[in-house]
Amino acid sequence: MKMRFAPAALVFAAASVTCAVAAQAQDDVVKPQQTVQLKPGSYGCLSKDKLDAVASHEQAGEHQQMQEYFSGFQCLSTPEGQSFRVVQVVGHDIEFVNAANADEQGLWTNDRFIKQ
């Protein structure tokens, strides 16, 4: 009898852990108007499309194509030690501006660059 319930107990335990991890991930979500700092080596792009293109080249190992966005100033390295204000969040992509000004349009980056 006990053996029949063991697999169900394992499924329930796994589901509980999954829910706990999902709840933790939701707590770490960046929200508009939040002030954040970016990790060293992070960058921002003038549009979400440019950020997506750079990320695609980066994942494919196409560093020359990626560098062209920086040479053309379509993407910029972010300064270290600065605070930024989140304008909007789309999935894992974040539009941000310098926290010291009231701009509503900024650069786009990925949430992997946010210091937690």
PDB file of N, CA and C in Angstrom:
ATOM      1  N   MET A   1       0.800  -1.181   0.000  1.00  0.00           N
ATOM      2  CA  MET A   1       0.000   0.000   0.000  1.00  0.00           C
ATOM      3  C   MET A   1       0.857   1.264   0.000  1.00  0.00           C
ATOM      4  N   LYS A   2       1.893   1.293   0.811  1.00  0.00           N
ATOM      5  CA  LYS A   2       2.731   2.479   0.899  1.00  0.00           C
ATOM      6  C   LYS A   2       3.434   2.779  -0.422  1.00  0.00           C
ATOM      7  N   MET A   3       3.796   1.761  -1.161  1.00  0.00           N
ATOM      8  CA  MET A   3       4.505   1.964  -2.426  1.00  0.00           C
ATOM      9  C   MET A   3       3.639   2.684  -3.455  1.00  0.00           C
ATOM     10  N   ARG A   4       2.345   2.499  -3.397  1.00  0.00           N
ATOM     11  CA  ARG A   4       1.461   3.123  -4.358  1.00  0.00           C
ATOM     12  C   ARG A   4       1.406   4.644  -4.154  1.00  0.00           C
ATOM     13  N   PHE A   5       1.563   5.088  -2.927  1.00  0.00           N
ATOM     14  CA  PHE A   5       1.469   6.510  -2.626  1.00  0.00           C
ATOM     15  C   PHE A   5       2.809   7.225  -2.758  1.00  0.00           C
ATOM     16  N   ALA A   6       3.894   6.503  -2.766  1.00  0.00           N
ATOM     17  CA  ALA A   6       5.220   7.118  -2.847  1.00  0.00           C
ATOM     18  C   ALA A   6       5.396   7.952  -4.112  1.00  0.00           C
ATOM     19  N   PRO A   7       5.046   7.464  -5.309  1.00  0.00           N
ATOM     20  CA  PRO A   7       5.205   8.299  -6.498  1.00  0.00           C
ATOM     21  C   PRO A   7       4.359   9.569  -6.434  1.00  0.00           C
ATOM     22  N   ALA A   8       3.155   9.461  -5.892  1.00  0.00           N
ATOM     23  CA  ALA A   8       2.300  10.642  -5.768  1.00  0.00           C
ATOM     24  C   ALA A   8       2.925  11.651  -4.813  1.00  0.00           C
ATOM     25  N   ALA A   9       3.520  11.168  -3.740  1.00  0.00           N
ATOM     26  CA  ALA A   9       4.173  12.057  -2.784  1.00  0.00           C
ATOM     27  C   ALA A   9       5.360  12.759  -3.423  1.00  0.00           C
ATOM     28  N   LEU A  10       6.105  12.034  -4.255  1.00  0.00           N
ATOM     29  CA  LEU A  10       7.240  12.645  -4.949  1.00  0.00           C
ATOM     30  C   LEU A  10       6.777  13.723  -5.921  1.00  0.00           C
ATOM     31  N   VAL A  11       5.702  13.460  -6.638  1.00  0.00           N
ATOM     32  CA  VAL A  11       5.166  14.449  -7.574  1.00  0.00           C
ATOM     33  C   VAL A  11       4.716  15.690  -6.817  1.00  0.00           C
ATOM     34  N   PHE A  12       4.033  15.489  -5.689  1.00  0.00           N
ATOM     35  CA  PHE A  12       3.573  16.612  -4.882  1.00  0.00           C
ATOM     36  C   PHE A  12       4.761  17.425  -4.360  1.00  0.00           C
ATOM     37  N   ALA A  13       5.791  16.747  -3.881  1.00  0.00           N
ATOM     38  CA  ALA A  13       6.980  17.438  -3.373  1.00  0.00           C
ATOM     39  C   ALA A  13       7.668  18.226  -4.480  1.00  0.00           C
ATOM     40  N   ALA A  14       7.786  17.633  -5.653  1.00  0.00           N
ATOM     41  CA  ALA A  14       8.415  18.332  -6.779  1.00  0.00           C
ATOM     42  C   ALA A  14       7.597  19.549  -7.182  1.00  0.00           C
ATOM     43  N   ALA A  15       6.277  19.417  -7.186  1.00  0.00           N
ATOM     44  CA  ALA A  15       5.408  20.544  -7.534  1.00  0.00           C
ATOM     45  C   ALA A  15       5.539  21.656  -6.506  1.00  0.00           C
ATOM     46  N   SER A  16       5.659  21.308  -5.237  1.00  0.00           N
ATOM     47  CA  SER A  16       5.815  22.305  -4.180  1.00  0.00           C
ATOM     48  C   SER A  16       7.111  23.082  -4.345  1.00  0.00           C
ATOM     49  N   VAL A  17       8.187  22.378  -4.651  1.00  0.00           N
ATOM     50  CA  VAL A  17       9.479  23.033  -4.869  1.00  0.00           C
ATOM     51  C   VAL A  17       9.403  23.956  -6.079  1.00  0.00           C
ATOM     52  N   THR A  18       8.767  23.496  -7.150  1.00  0.00           N
ATOM     53  CA  THR A  18       8.627  24.316  -8.354  1.00  0.00           C
ATOM     54  C   THR A  18       7.859  25.584  -8.049  1.00  0.00           C
ATOM     55  N   CYS A  19       6.788  25.490  -7.294  1.00  0.00           N
ATOM     56  CA  CYS A  19       5.998  26.669  -6.929  1.00  0.00           C
ATOM     57  C   CYS A  19       6.817  27.628  -6.074  1.00  0.00           C
ATOM     58  N   ALA A  20       7.605  27.102  -5.159  1.00  0.00           N
ATOM     59  CA  ALA A  20       8.432  27.950  -4.310  1.00  0.00           C
ATOM     60  C   ALA A  20       9.477  28.687  -5.131  1.00  0.00           C
ATOM     61  N   VAL A  21      10.085  28.007  -6.088  1.00  0.00           N
ATOM     62  CA  VAL A  21      11.077  28.643  -6.957  1.00  0.00           C
ATOM     63  C   VAL A  21      10.414  29.711  -7.816  1.00  0.00           C
ATOM     64  N   ALA A  22       9.239  29.434  -8.351  1.00  0.00           N
ATOM     65  CA  ALA A  22       8.522  30.408  -9.172  1.00  0.00           C
ATOM     66  C   ALA A  22       8.147  31.629  -8.348  1.00  0.00           C
ATOM     67  N   ALA A  23       7.724  31.436  -7.116  1.00  0.00           N
ATOM     68  CA  ALA A  23       7.379  32.563  -6.250  1.00  0.00           C
ATOM     69  C   ALA A  23       8.612  33.406  -5.964  1.00  0.00           C
ATOM     70  N   GLN A  24       9.760  32.770  -5.742  1.00  0.00           N
ATOM     71  CA  GLN A  24      11.000  33.507  -5.514  1.00  0.00           C
ATOM     72  C   GLN A  24      11.383  34.303  -6.743  1.00  0.00           C
ATOM     73  N   ALA A  25      11.237  33.727  -7.932  1.00  0.00           N
ATOM     74  CA  ALA A  25      11.585  34.423  -9.169  1.00  0.00           C
ATOM     75  C   ALA A  25      10.713  35.650  -9.352  1.00  0.00           C
ATOM     76  N   GLN A  26       9.438  35.577  -8.969  1.00  0.00           N
ATOM     77  CA  GLN A  26       8.560  36.729  -9.095  1.00  0.00           C
ATOM     78  C   GLN A  26       8.986  37.842  -8.158  1.00  0.00           C
ATOM     79  N   ASP A  27       9.550  37.515  -6.995  1.00  0.00           N
ATOM     80  CA  ASP A  27      10.012  38.527  -6.060  1.00  0.00           C
ATOM     81  C   ASP A  27      11.195  39.306  -6.610  1.00  0.00           C
ATOM     82  N   ASP A  28      11.979  38.699  -7.501  1.00  0.00           N
ATOM     83  CA  ASP A  28      13.173  39.329  -8.033  1.00  0.00           C
ATOM     84  C   ASP A  28      12.904  40.152  -9.293  1.00  0.00           C
ATOM     85  N   VAL A  29      11.658  40.270  -9.713  1.00  0.00           N
ATOM     86  CA  VAL A  29      11.318  40.974 -10.940  1.00  0.00           C
ATOM     87  C   VAL A  29      11.566  42.467 -10.763  1.00  0.00           C
ATOM     88  N   VAL A  30      12.170  43.070 -11.779  1.00  0.00           N
ATOM     89  CA  VAL A  30      12.406  44.509 -11.793  1.00  0.00           C
ATOM     90  C   VAL A  30      11.119  45.185 -12.241  1.00  0.00           C
ATOM     91  N   LYS A  31      10.795  46.305 -11.601  1.00  0.00           N
ATOM     92  CA  LYS A  31       9.545  46.997 -11.897  1.00  0.00           C
ATOM     93  C   LYS A  31       9.819  48.433 -12.342  1.00  0.00           C
ATOM     94  N   PRO A  32       8.922  49.011 -13.157  1.00  0.00           N
ATOM     95  CA  PRO A  32       9.072  50.417 -13.550  1.00  0.00           C
ATOM     96  C   PRO A  32       9.174  51.323 -12.318  1.00  0.00           C
ATOM     97  N   GLN A  33       9.950  52.379 -12.465  1.00  0.00           N
ATOM     98  CA  GLN A  33      10.235  53.381 -11.435  1.00  0.00           C
ATOM     99  C   GLN A  33      11.231  52.891 -10.387  1.00  0.00           C
ATOM    100  N   GLN A  34      11.615  51.632 -10.431  1.00  0.00           N
ATOM    101  CA  GLN A  34      12.600  51.101  -9.492  1.00  0.00           C
ATOM    102  C   GLN A  34      13.975  51.648  -9.859  1.00  0.00           C
ATOM    103  N   THR A  35      14.787  51.951  -8.854  1.00  0.00           N
ATOM    104  CA  THR A  35      16.162  52.391  -9.076  1.00  0.00           C
ATOM    105  C   THR A  35      17.070  51.172  -8.972  1.00  0.00           C
ATOM    106  N   VAL A  36      17.947  51.016  -9.964  1.00  0.00           N
ATOM    107  CA  VAL A  36      18.831  49.854 -10.025  1.00  0.00           C
ATOM    108  C   VAL A  36      20.250  50.296 -10.350  1.00  0.00           C
ATOM    109  N   GLN A  37      21.190  49.413 -10.128  1.00  0.00           N
ATOM    110  CA  GLN A  37      22.558  49.576 -10.601  1.00  0.00           C
ATOM    111  C   GLN A  37      22.852  48.410 -11.526  1.00  0.00           C
ATOM    112  N   LEU A  38      23.719  48.664 -12.494  1.00  0.00           N
ATOM    113  CA  LEU A  38      24.067  47.631 -13.464  1.00  0.00           C
ATOM    114  C   LEU A  38      25.443  47.060 -13.152  1.00  0.00           C
ATOM    115  N   LYS A  39      25.633  45.817 -13.513  1.00  0.00           N
ATOM    116  CA  LYS A  39      26.901  45.126 -13.286  1.00  0.00           C
ATOM    117  C   LYS A  39      27.983  45.691 -14.199  1.00  0.00           C
ATOM    118  N   PRO A  40      29.257  45.572 -13.799  1.00  0.00           N
ATOM    119  CA  PRO A  40      30.349  45.966 -14.696  1.00  0.00           C
ATOM    120  C   PRO A  40      30.278  45.162 -15.993  1.00  0.00           C
ATOM    121  N   GLY A  41      30.580  45.814 -17.104  1.00  0.00           N
ATOM    122  CA  GLY A  41      30.549  45.147 -18.402  1.00  0.00           C
ATOM    123  C   GLY A  41      29.183  45.145 -19.052  1.00  0.00           C
ATOM    124  N   SER A  42      28.218  45.808 -18.436  1.00  0.00           N
ATOM    125  CA  SER A  42      26.873  45.835 -19.020  1.00  0.00           C
ATOM    126  C   SER A  42      26.787  46.912 -20.094  1.00  0.00           C
ATOM    127  N   TYR A  43      25.734  46.830 -20.879  1.00  0.00           N
ATOM    128  CA  TYR A  43      25.535  47.798 -21.957  1.00  0.00           C
ATOM    129  C   TYR A  43      24.053  48.040 -22.169  1.00  0.00           C
ATOM    130  N   GLY A  44      23.762  49.141 -22.857  1.00  0.00           N
ATOM    131  CA  GLY A  44      22.397  49.470 -23.227  1.00  0.00           C
ATOM    132  C   GLY A  44      22.359  49.855 -24.691  1.00  0.00           C
ATOM    133  N   CYS A  45      21.218  49.634 -25.332  1.00  0.00           N
ATOM    134  CA  CYS A  45      21.047  49.944 -26.754  1.00  0.00           C
ATOM    135  C   CYS A  45      19.898  50.932 -26.931  1.00  0.00           C
ATOM    136  N   LEU A  46      19.942  51.682 -28.033  1.00  0.00           N
ATOM    137  CA  LEU A  46      18.960  52.730 -28.283  1.00  0.00           C
ATOM    138  C   LEU A  46      17.539  52.217 -28.475  1.00  0.00           C
ATOM    139  N   SER A  47      17.384  50.955 -28.830  1.00  0.00           N
ATOM    140  CA  SER A  47      16.044  50.383 -28.994  1.00  0.00           C
ATOM    141  C   SER A  47      16.073  48.914 -28.583  1.00  0.00           C
ATOM    142  N   LYS A  48      14.905  48.395 -28.327  1.00  0.00           N
ATOM    143  CA  LYS A  48      14.794  46.975 -27.976  1.00  0.00           C
ATOM    144  C   LYS A  48      15.210  46.104 -29.158  1.00  0.00           C
ATOM    145  N   ASP A  49      14.896  46.544 -30.383  1.00  0.00           N
ATOM    146  CA  ASP A  49      15.296  45.786 -31.576  1.00  0.00           C
ATOM    147  C   ASP A  49      16.812  45.664 -31.679  1.00  0.00           C
ATOM    148  N   LYS A  50      17.514  46.755 -31.392  1.00  0.00           N
ATOM    149  CA  LYS A  50      18.983  46.727 -31.444  1.00  0.00           C
ATOM    150  C   LYS A  50      19.538  45.823 -30.335  1.00  0.00           C
ATOM    151  N   LEU A  51      18.932  45.881 -29.159  1.00  0.00           N
ATOM    152  CA  LEU A  51      19.344  44.997 -28.068  1.00  0.00           C
ATOM    153  C   LEU A  51      19.146  43.535 -28.455  1.00  0.00           C
ATOM    154  N   ASP A  52      18.009  43.228 -29.055  1.00  0.00           N
ATOM    155  CA  ASP A  52      17.738  41.852 -29.495  1.00  0.00           C
ATOM    156  C   ASP A  52      18.756  41.394 -30.538  1.00  0.00           C
ATOM    157  N   ALA A  53      19.117  42.297 -31.461  1.00  0.00           N
ATOM    158  CA  ALA A  53      20.088  41.949 -32.503  1.00  0.00           C
ATOM    159  C   ALA A  53      21.468  41.690 -31.895  1.00  0.00           C
ATOM    160  N   VAL A  54      21.887  42.549 -30.968  1.00  0.00           N
ATOM    161  CA  VAL A  54      23.190  42.375 -30.323  1.00  0.00           C
ATOM    162  C   VAL A  54      23.210  41.069 -29.531  1.00  0.00           C
ATOM    163  N   ALA A  55      22.142  40.784 -28.811  1.00  0.00           N
ATOM    164  CA  ALA A  55      22.070  39.540 -28.035  1.00  0.00           C
ATOM    165  C   ALA A  55      22.133  38.324 -28.952  1.00  0.00           C
ATOM    166  N   SER A  56      21.490  38.415 -30.101  1.00  0.00           N
ATOM    167  CA  SER A  56      21.513  37.315 -31.070  1.00  0.00           C
ATOM    168  C   SER A  56      22.929  37.081 -31.594  1.00  0.00           C
ATOM    169  N   HIS A  57      23.634  38.167 -31.933  1.00  0.00           N
ATOM    170  CA  HIS A  57      25.025  38.048 -32.399  1.00  0.00           C
ATOM    171  C   HIS A  57      25.926  37.513 -31.280  1.00  0.00           C
ATOM    172  N   GLU A  58      25.673  37.971 -30.053  1.00  0.00           N
ATOM    173  CA  GLU A  58      26.476  37.516 -28.918  1.00  0.00           C
ATOM    174  C   GLU A  58      26.300  36.008 -28.706  1.00  0.00           C
ATOM    175  N   GLN A  59      25.074  35.530 -28.744  1.00  0.00           N
ATOM    176  CA  GLN A  59      24.804  34.102 -28.551  1.00  0.00           C
ATOM    177  C   GLN A  59      25.395  33.257 -29.668  1.00  0.00           C
ATOM    178  N   ALA A  60      25.451  33.819 -30.883  1.00  0.00           N
ATOM    179  CA  ALA A  60      25.995  33.085 -32.031  1.00  0.00           C
ATOM    180  C   ALA A  60      27.517  33.180 -32.099  1.00  0.00           C
ATOM    181  N   GLY A  61      28.120  33.950 -31.185  1.00  0.00           N
ATOM    182  CA  GLY A  61      29.565  34.110 -31.196  1.00  0.00           C
ATOM    183  C   GLY A  61      30.055  35.031 -32.298  1.00  0.00           C
ATOM    184  N   GLU A  62      29.175  35.857 -32.836  1.00  0.00           N
ATOM    185  CA  GLU A  62      29.511  36.780 -33.932  1.00  0.00           C
ATOM    186  C   GLU A  62      29.926  38.131 -33.353  1.00  0.00           C
ATOM    187  N   HIS A  63      31.131  38.174 -32.812  1.00  0.00           N
ATOM    188  CA  HIS A  63      31.589  39.358 -32.090  1.00  0.00           C
ATOM    189  C   HIS A  63      31.811  40.559 -33.006  1.00  0.00           C
ATOM    190  N   GLN A  64      32.218  40.346 -34.242  1.00  0.00           N
ATOM    191  CA  GLN A  64      32.420  41.460 -35.176  1.00  0.00           C
ATOM    192  C   GLN A  64      31.087  42.161 -35.466  1.00  0.00           C
ATOM    193  N   GLN A  65      30.041  41.374 -35.733  1.00  0.00           N
ATOM    194  CA  GLN A  65      28.726  41.958 -35.999  1.00  0.00           C
ATOM    195  C   GLN A  65      28.196  42.671 -34.754  1.00  0.00           C
ATOM    196  N   MET A  66      28.450  42.097 -33.602  1.00  0.00           N
ATOM    197  CA  MET A  66      28.033  42.719 -32.343  1.00  0.00           C
ATOM    198  C   MET A  66      28.756  44.049 -32.143  1.00  0.00           C
ATOM    199  N   GLN A  67      30.054  44.086 -32.428  1.00  0.00           N
ATOM    200  CA  GLN A  67      30.865  45.282 -32.233  1.00  0.00           C
ATOM    201  C   GLN A  67      30.402  46.437 -33.112  1.00  0.00           C
ATOM    202  N   GLU A  68      29.831  46.137 -34.269  1.00  0.00           N
ATOM    203  CA  GLU A  68      29.363  47.191 -35.173  1.00  0.00           C
ATOM    204  C   GLU A  68      28.300  48.069 -34.517  1.00  0.00           C
ATOM    205  N   TYR A  69      27.492  47.508 -33.638  1.00  0.00           N
ATOM    206  CA  TYR A  69      26.476  48.297 -32.932  1.00  0.00           C
ATOM    207  C   TYR A  69      27.123  49.289 -31.970  1.00  0.00           C
ATOM    208  N   PHE A  70      28.263  48.912 -31.408  1.00  0.00           N
ATOM    209  CA  PHE A  70      28.973  49.798 -30.492  1.00  0.00           C
ATOM    210  C   PHE A  70      29.773  50.845 -31.263  1.00  0.00           C
ATOM    211  N   SER A  71      30.353  50.461 -32.389  1.00  0.00           N
ATOM    212  CA  SER A  71      31.102  51.409 -33.221  1.00  0.00           C
ATOM    213  C   SER A  71      30.180  52.489 -33.770  1.00  0.00           C
ATOM    214  N   GLY A  72      28.950  52.124 -34.082  1.00  0.00           N
ATOM    215  CA  GLY A  72      27.970  53.077 -34.602  1.00  0.00           C
ATOM    216  C   GLY A  72      27.189  53.783 -33.511  1.00  0.00           C
ATOM    217  N   PHE A  73      27.560  53.587 -32.254  1.00  0.00           N
ATOM    218  CA  PHE A  73      26.919  54.211 -31.088  1.00  0.00           C
ATOM    219  C   PHE A  73      25.433  53.880 -30.987  1.00  0.00           C
ATOM    220  N   GLN A  74      25.044  52.712 -31.503  1.00  0.00           N
ATOM    221  CA  GLN A  74      23.669  52.251 -31.329  1.00  0.00           C
ATOM    222  C   GLN A  74      23.523  51.533 -29.987  1.00  0.00           C
ATOM    223  N   CYS A  75      24.656  51.075 -29.461  1.00  0.00           N
ATOM    224  CA  CYS A  75      24.729  50.479 -28.129  1.00  0.00           C
ATOM    225  C   CYS A  75      25.939  51.084 -27.419  1.00  0.00           C
ATOM    226  N   LEU A  76      25.812  51.244 -26.109  1.00  0.00           N
ATOM    227  CA  LEU A  76      26.861  51.884 -25.321  1.00  0.00           C
ATOM    228  C   LEU A  76      27.131  51.084 -24.056  1.00  0.00           C
ATOM    229  N   SER A  77      28.380  51.092 -23.629  1.00  0.00           N
ATOM    230  CA  SER A  77      28.709  50.511 -22.329  1.00  0.00           C
ATOM    231  C   SER A  77      28.144  51.432 -21.254  1.00  0.00           C
ATOM    232  N   THR A  78      27.634  50.848 -20.180  1.00  0.00           N
ATOM    233  CA  THR A  78      27.076  51.672 -19.108  1.00  0.00           C
ATOM    234  C   THR A  78      28.160  51.989 -18.086  1.00  0.00           C
ATOM    235  N   PRO A  79      28.119  53.203 -17.528  1.00  0.00           N
ATOM    236  CA  PRO A  79      29.122  53.570 -16.527  1.00  0.00           C
ATOM    237  C   PRO A  79      28.892  52.810 -15.221  1.00  0.00           C
ATOM    238  N   GLU A  80      29.983  52.471 -14.561  1.00  0.00           N
ATOM    239  CA  GLU A  80      29.890  51.756 -13.285  1.00  0.00           C
ATOM    240  C   GLU A  80      29.561  52.730 -12.163  1.00  0.00           C
ATOM    241  N   GLY A  81      28.872  52.223 -11.158  1.00  0.00           N
ATOM    242  CA  GLY A  81      28.585  53.018  -9.970  1.00  0.00           C
ATOM    243  C   GLY A  81      27.453  54.015 -10.128  1.00  0.00           C
ATOM    244  N   GLN A  82      26.754  54.001 -11.231  1.00  0.00           N
ATOM    245  CA  GLN A  82      25.645  54.927 -11.465  1.00  0.00           C
ATOM    246  C   GLN A  82      24.322  54.263 -11.103  1.00  0.00           C
ATOM    247  N   SER A  83      23.367  55.074 -10.723  1.00  0.00           N
ATOM    248  CA  SER A  83      22.018  54.573 -10.466  1.00  0.00           C
ATOM    249  C   SER A  83      21.143  54.889 -11.663  1.00  0.00           C
ATOM    250  N   PHE A  84      20.297  53.942 -12.002  1.00  0.00           N
ATOM    251  CA  PHE A  84      19.401  54.092 -13.142  1.00  0.00           C
ATOM    252  C   PHE A  84      17.970  53.828 -12.695  1.00  0.00           C
ATOM    253  N   ARG A  85      17.037  54.498 -13.364  1.00  0.00           N
ATOM    254  CA  ARG A  85      15.616  54.307 -13.089  1.00  0.00           C
ATOM    255  C   ARG A  85      15.015  53.472 -14.210  1.00  0.00           C
ATOM    256  N   VAL A  86      14.272  52.455 -13.851  1.00  0.00           N
ATOM    257  CA  VAL A  86      13.610  51.597 -14.832  1.00  0.00           C
ATOM    258  C   VAL A  86      12.393  52.336 -15.384  1.00  0.00           C
ATOM    259  N   VAL A  87      12.301  52.420 -16.714  1.00  0.00           N
ATOM    260  CA  VAL A  87      11.170  53.070 -17.377  1.00  0.00           C
ATOM    261  C   VAL A  87      10.096  52.036 -17.690  1.00  0.00           C
ATOM    262  N   GLN A  88      10.501  50.932 -18.318  1.00  0.00           N
ATOM    263  CA  GLN A  88       9.554  49.856 -18.616  1.00  0.00           C
ATOM    264  C   GLN A  88      10.277  48.525 -18.688  1.00  0.00           C
ATOM    265  N   VAL A  89       9.496  47.470 -18.526  1.00  0.00           N
ATOM    266  CA  VAL A  89      10.022  46.109 -18.555  1.00  0.00           C
ATOM    267  C   VAL A  89       9.194  45.301 -19.548  1.00  0.00           C
ATOM    268  N   VAL A  90       9.898  44.627 -20.472  1.00  0.00           N
ATOM    269  CA  VAL A  90       9.245  43.746 -21.447  1.00  0.00           C
ATOM    270  C   VAL A  90       9.966  42.404 -21.373  1.00  0.00           C
ATOM    271  N   GLY A  91       9.353  41.447 -20.702  1.00  0.00           N
ATOM    272  CA  GLY A  91      10.008  40.152 -20.505  1.00  0.00           C
ATOM    273  C   GLY A  91      11.255  40.332 -19.656  1.00  0.00           C
ATOM    274  N   HIS A  92      12.408  39.956 -20.206  1.00  0.00           N
ATOM    275  CA  HIS A  92      13.681  40.125 -19.503  1.00  0.00           C
ATOM    276  C   HIS A  92      14.413  41.384 -19.946  1.00  0.00           C
ATOM    277  N   ASP A  93      13.808  42.175 -20.814  1.00  0.00           N
ATOM    278  CA  ASP A  93      14.432  43.402 -21.310  1.00  0.00           C
ATOM    279  C   ASP A  93      13.897  44.608 -20.549  1.00  0.00           C
ATOM    280  N   ILE A  94      14.804  45.547 -20.273  1.00  0.00           N
ATOM    281  CA  ILE A  94      14.486  46.687 -19.421  1.00  0.00           C
ATOM    282  C   ILE A  94      14.920  47.973 -20.105  1.00  0.00           C
ATOM    283  N   GLU A  95      14.018  48.941 -20.167  1.00  0.00           N
ATOM    284  CA  GLU A  95      14.388  50.278 -20.624  1.00  0.00           C
ATOM    285  C   GLU A  95      14.724  51.086 -19.377  1.00  0.00           C
ATOM    286  N   PHE A  96      15.853  51.804 -19.411  1.00  0.00           N
ATOM    287  CA  PHE A  96      16.301  52.540 -18.233  1.00  0.00           C
ATOM    288  C   PHE A  96      16.844  53.908 -18.615  1.00  0.00           C
ATOM    289  N   VAL A  97      16.835  54.826 -17.639  1.00  0.00           N
ATOM    290  CA  VAL A  97      17.411  56.164 -17.787  1.00  0.00           C
ATOM    291  C   VAL A  97      18.241  56.443 -16.541  1.00  0.00           C
ATOM    292  N   ASN A  98      19.059  57.481 -16.603  1.00  0.00           N
ATOM    293  CA  ASN A  98      19.815  57.895 -15.435  1.00  0.00           C
ATOM    294  C   ASN A  98      18.823  58.309 -14.355  1.00  0.00           C
ATOM    295  N   ALA A  99      19.032  57.855 -13.144  1.00  0.00           N
ATOM    296  CA  ALA A  99      18.087  58.129 -12.056  1.00  0.00           C
ATOM    297  C   ALA A  99      18.022  59.606 -11.702  1.00  0.00           C
ATOM    298  N   ALA A 100      19.032  60.383 -12.096  1.00  0.00           N
ATOM    299  CA  ALA A 100      19.082  61.794 -11.728  1.00  0.00           C
ATOM    300  C   ALA A 100      18.252  62.689 -12.647  1.00  0.00           C
ATOM    301  N   ASN A 101      17.668  62.149 -13.711  1.00  0.00           N
ATOM    302  CA  ASN A 101      16.874  63.001 -14.593  1.00  0.00           C
ATOM    303  C   ASN A 101      15.472  62.434 -14.775  1.00  0.00           C
ATOM    304  N   ALA A 102      14.632  63.199 -15.450  1.00  0.00           N
ATOM    305  CA  ALA A 102      13.219  62.828 -15.612  1.00  0.00           C
ATOM    306  C   ALA A 102      12.915  62.278 -16.999  1.00  0.00           C
ATOM    307  N   ASP A 103      13.937  61.866 -17.742  1.00  0.00           N
ATOM    308  CA  ASP A 103      13.705  61.330 -19.090  1.00  0.00           C
ATOM    309  C   ASP A 103      12.732  60.160 -19.048  1.00  0.00           C
ATOM    310  N   GLU A 104      11.978  60.017 -20.121  1.00  0.00           N
ATOM    311  CA  GLU A 104      11.046  58.900 -20.242  1.00  0.00           C
ATOM    312  C   GLU A 104      11.466  57.918 -21.331  1.00  0.00           C
ATOM    313  N   GLN A 105      12.495  58.256 -22.116  1.00  0.00           N
ATOM    314  CA  GLN A 105      13.036  57.345 -23.120  1.00  0.00           C
ATOM    315  C   GLN A 105      14.503  57.136 -22.810  1.00  0.00           C
ATOM    316  N   GLY A 106      14.916  55.881 -22.823  1.00  0.00           N
ATOM    317  CA  GLY A 106      16.292  55.594 -22.459  1.00  0.00           C
ATOM    318  C   GLY A 106      16.886  54.488 -23.290  1.00  0.00           C
ATOM    319  N   LEU A 107      17.806  53.782 -22.681  1.00  0.00           N
ATOM    320  CA  LEU A 107      18.474  52.658 -23.318  1.00  0.00           C
ATOM    321  C   LEU A 107      17.831  51.360 -22.843  1.00  0.00           C
ATOM    322  N   TRP A 108      18.013  50.322 -23.651  1.00  0.00           N
ATOM    323  CA  TRP A 108      17.493  48.997 -23.321  1.00  0.00           C
ATOM    324  C   TRP A 108      18.638  48.072 -22.929  1.00  0.00           C
ATOM    325  N   THR A 109      18.412  47.259 -21.914  1.00  0.00           N
ATOM    326  CA  THR A 109      19.369  46.247 -21.493  1.00  0.00           C
ATOM    327  C   THR A 109      18.608  44.994 -21.069  1.00  0.00           C
ATOM    328  N   ASN A 110      19.347  43.980 -20.693  1.00  0.00           N
ATOM    329  CA  ASN A 110      18.745  42.725 -20.254  1.00  0.00           C
ATOM    330  C   ASN A 110      18.833  42.642 -18.739  1.00  0.00           C
ATOM    331  N   ASP A 111      17.871  41.995 -18.101  1.00  0.00           N
ATOM    332  CA  ASP A 111      17.865  41.922 -16.640  1.00  0.00           C
ATOM    333  C   ASP A 111      19.048  41.140 -16.069  1.00  0.00           C
ATOM    334  N   ARG A 112      19.789  40.427 -16.895  1.00  0.00           N
ATOM    335  CA  ARG A 112      20.978  39.718 -16.388  1.00  0.00           C
ATOM    336  C   ARG A 112      22.063  40.699 -15.957  1.00  0.00           C
ATOM    337  N   PHE A 113      21.958  41.971 -16.402  1.00  0.00           N
ATOM    338  CA  PHE A 113      22.941  42.986 -16.034  1.00  0.00           C
ATOM    339  C   PHE A 113      22.575  43.731 -14.749  1.00  0.00           C
ATOM    340  N   ILE A 114      21.410  43.461 -14.175  1.00  0.00           N
ATOM    341  CA  ILE A 114      20.973  44.154 -12.966  1.00  0.00           C
ATOM    342  C   ILE A 114      21.679  43.559 -11.753  1.00  0.00           C
ATOM    343  N   LYS A 115      22.251  44.432 -10.910  1.00  0.00           N
ATOM    344  CA  LYS A 115      22.828  43.969  -9.641  1.00  0.00           C
ATOM    345  C   LYS A 115      21.676  43.658  -8.704  1.00  0.00           C
ATOM    346  N   GLN A 116      21.735  42.513  -8.046  1.00  0.00           N
ATOM    347  CA  GLN A 116      20.665  42.131  -7.096  1.00  0.00           C
ATOM    348  C   GLN A 116      21.123  42.358  -5.683  1.00  0.00           C
TER     349      GLN A 116
END
